[in-house]
Amino acid sequence: MSQIDARLAELGIELPAVVPPVAVYVPAVVSGSLVFTSGQLPMVAGALPALGKVGEGEGLVPPADAKAYARISALNALAAIKAKIGSLDRITQIVKVVGFVASDPSFTGQPRVINGASEVLGEIFGEVGVHARSAVGVSVLPLDSPVELELIVSFA
């Protein structure tokens, strides 16, 4: 068992299967020693766990739920990376996380939502998981997902 696979098991995390693209793209691309993922939605068993905009109030996705969905999106991104490079032990740095949050106009907590991704990457990779990041509020995401996440990682 690889070191990262052992860490995942210790954390009780099972990487999902790679989410099939919903349009014309591939889940991840290698360029030199970098892997760039396509935007990863929080798909679980082929479906989104929630739809709509993030915010406080009736009919909105609660920020705590959206944070959990950002975590799922990060795990989906790691699955895409593992499929591309064979082992997550090859990752030398999580370089950048770009998180998109479908936001109610009054919602400004995008960084707290994307913390769901950043925290799980830190739990899994330790110092290698420390990264640059953007957390962006948008009006709508594909399939009406509340969050979408991209990762850039370096590997050896």
Protein backbone atom coordinates (compact mmCIF):
# COMPACT_ATOMS: atom_id res chain seq x y z
CA MET A 1 0.00 0.00 0.00
CA SER A 2 1.35 3.42 -0.92
CA GLN A 3 1.99 6.08 1.73
CA ILE A 4 -0.91 8.28 0.59
CA ASP A 5 -3.24 5.28 0.25
CA ALA A 6 -2.36 4.38 3.85
CA ARG A 7 -3.05 7.96 4.95
CA LEU A 8 -6.42 7.89 3.17
CA ALA A 9 -7.30 4.64 4.92
CA GLU A 10 -6.22 6.12 8.28
CA LEU A 11 -8.54 9.10 7.64
CA GLY A 12 -11.38 6.80 6.55
CA ILE A 13 -11.38 8.30 3.06
CA GLU A 14 -12.03 6.21 -0.01
CA LEU A 15 -11.29 7.93 -3.31
CA PRO A 16 -14.24 7.74 -5.69
CA ALA A 17 -14.09 6.54 -9.26
CA VAL A 18 -13.15 9.26 -11.74
CA VAL A 19 -16.24 11.29 -12.58
CA PRO A 20 -16.95 10.98 -16.31
CA PRO A 21 -16.94 14.29 -18.19
CA VAL A 22 -20.33 15.91 -18.74
CA ALA A 23 -19.14 17.67 -21.93
CA VAL A 24 -16.19 17.62 -24.34
CA TYR A 25 -13.08 17.59 -22.10
CA VAL A 26 -10.91 15.19 -20.11
CA PRO A 27 -10.79 15.03 -16.29
CA ALA A 28 -7.07 15.90 -16.10
CA VAL A 29 -4.13 16.82 -18.32
CA VAL A 30 -0.40 16.47 -17.69
CA SER A 31 1.94 19.22 -18.89
CA GLY A 32 5.56 18.70 -17.92
CA SER A 33 5.61 17.99 -14.18
CA LEU A 34 2.17 19.51 -13.56
CA VAL A 35 -1.31 18.01 -13.57
CA PHE A 36 -4.24 20.33 -14.25
CA THR A 37 -7.70 19.03 -13.44
CA SER A 38 -10.84 20.10 -15.19
CA GLY A 39 -13.49 21.59 -12.96
CA GLN A 40 -14.67 18.88 -10.58
CA LEU A 41 -18.21 18.92 -9.27
CA PRO A 42 -19.20 17.20 -6.00
CA MET A 43 -20.62 14.18 -7.79
CA VAL A 44 -21.43 11.19 -5.59
CA ALA A 45 -22.38 7.98 -7.42
CA GLY A 46 -23.14 9.96 -10.58
CA ALA A 47 -25.37 12.61 -8.99
CA LEU A 48 -25.01 15.96 -7.29
CA PRO A 49 -25.96 15.88 -3.59
CA ALA A 50 -27.58 19.34 -3.87
CA LEU A 51 -28.44 21.95 -6.46
CA GLY A 52 -28.55 25.71 -6.38
CA LYS A 53 -26.93 28.74 -4.91
CA VAL A 54 -25.07 28.94 -1.61
CA GLY A 55 -26.26 31.33 1.06
CA GLU A 56 -28.32 31.77 4.19
CA GLY A 57 -32.07 31.36 3.93
CA GLU A 58 -34.96 29.44 2.48
CA GLY A 59 -34.19 27.55 -0.73
CA LEU A 60 -30.42 28.10 -0.56
CA VAL A 61 -27.64 25.58 -0.02
CA PRO A 62 -26.29 26.15 3.51
CA PRO A 63 -22.61 27.18 3.60
CA ALA A 64 -21.70 24.21 5.85
CA ASP A 65 -23.17 21.83 3.27
CA ALA A 66 -21.32 23.61 0.46
CA LYS A 67 -18.07 23.24 2.44
CA ALA A 68 -18.67 19.48 2.53
CA TYR A 69 -19.31 19.54 -1.23
CA ALA A 70 -15.98 21.35 -1.79
CA ARG A 71 -14.32 18.48 0.08
CA ILE A 72 -16.04 15.95 -2.20
CA SER A 73 -14.92 17.94 -5.26
CA ALA A 74 -11.32 17.83 -4.01
CA LEU A 75 -11.51 14.05 -3.63
CA ASN A 76 -12.95 13.78 -7.14
CA ALA A 77 -10.01 15.87 -8.40
CA LEU A 78 -7.54 13.59 -6.62
CA ALA A 79 -9.19 10.58 -8.27
CA ALA A 80 -8.67 12.22 -11.68
CA ILE A 81 -5.04 12.97 -10.83
CA LYS A 82 -4.38 9.42 -9.60
CA ALA A 83 -5.87 8.01 -12.82
CA LYS A 84 -3.49 10.21 -14.81
CA ILE A 85 -0.19 9.65 -12.90
CA GLY A 86 -0.79 6.25 -11.27
CA SER A 87 -0.11 7.10 -7.63
CA LEU A 88 -0.82 10.06 -5.38
CA ASP A 89 2.59 9.40 -3.77
CA ARG A 90 4.07 11.04 -6.88
CA ILE A 91 2.57 14.43 -5.91
CA THR A 92 5.29 16.77 -4.68
CA GLN A 93 3.06 19.82 -4.11
CA ILE A 94 -0.56 20.86 -4.32
CA VAL A 95 0.26 24.05 -6.20
CA LYS A 96 -3.11 25.78 -6.59
CA VAL A 97 -6.76 25.29 -5.74
CA VAL A 98 -9.34 27.26 -7.68
CA GLY A 99 -12.80 27.07 -6.15
CA PHE A 100 -16.04 28.38 -7.60
CA VAL A 101 -19.13 28.87 -5.44
CA ALA A 102 -22.56 29.45 -7.01
CA SER A 103 -23.54 32.28 -4.70
CA ASP A 104 -26.66 34.08 -3.67
CA PRO A 105 -25.93 37.80 -4.32
CA SER A 106 -25.72 38.50 -0.58
CA PHE A 107 -23.30 35.62 0.15
CA THR A 108 -19.64 36.56 0.71
CA GLY A 109 -18.34 33.44 2.47
CA GLN A 110 -16.73 31.78 -0.55
CA PRO A 111 -13.37 31.32 1.24
CA ARG A 112 -15.02 29.40 4.09
CA VAL A 113 -16.76 27.11 1.59
CA ILE A 114 -13.54 26.32 -0.29
CA ASN A 115 -11.85 25.60 3.05
CA GLY A 116 -13.56 22.20 2.71
CA ALA A 117 -11.14 21.39 -0.10
CA SER A 118 -8.10 23.02 1.48
CA GLU A 119 -8.60 21.26 4.81
CA VAL A 120 -8.89 17.77 3.33
CA LEU A 121 -5.82 18.33 1.15
CA GLY A 122 -3.89 19.36 4.26
CA GLU A 123 -5.13 16.31 6.17
CA ILE A 124 -4.02 14.00 3.38
CA PHE A 125 -0.75 15.58 2.26
CA GLY A 126 0.51 17.64 5.22
CA GLU A 127 3.04 20.27 4.07
CA VAL A 128 2.78 19.04 0.47
CA GLY A 129 -0.89 20.03 0.65
CA VAL A 130 -0.19 23.72 1.43
CA HIS A 131 -1.26 25.66 -1.66
CA ALA A 132 -2.13 28.96 -3.30
CA ARG A 133 -5.87 29.41 -3.75
CA SER A 134 -8.70 31.41 -5.27
CA ALA A 135 -12.31 31.27 -4.04
CA VAL A 136 -14.67 32.87 -6.52
CA GLY A 137 -18.38 33.57 -6.29
CA VAL A 138 -20.30 33.01 -9.52
CA SER A 139 -23.94 33.24 -10.53
CA VAL A 140 -24.33 29.65 -11.73
CA LEU A 141 -22.24 26.51 -12.25
CA PRO A 142 -22.66 23.50 -14.56
CA LEU A 143 -25.68 21.31 -13.77
CA ASP A 144 -26.66 23.89 -11.10
CA SER A 145 -23.91 22.58 -8.82
CA PRO A 146 -23.25 24.68 -5.71
CA VAL A 147 -19.44 24.29 -6.04
CA GLU A 148 -16.78 23.42 -8.59
CA LEU A 149 -13.07 22.91 -7.97
CA GLU A 150 -9.87 22.77 -10.01
CA LEU A 151 -6.48 21.56 -8.79
CA ILE A 152 -2.98 22.11 -10.13
CA VAL A 153 -0.39 19.75 -8.67
CA SER A 154 3.29 19.09 -9.32
CA PHE A 155 4.60 15.53 -9.40
CA ALA A 156 7.79 13.57 -9.87
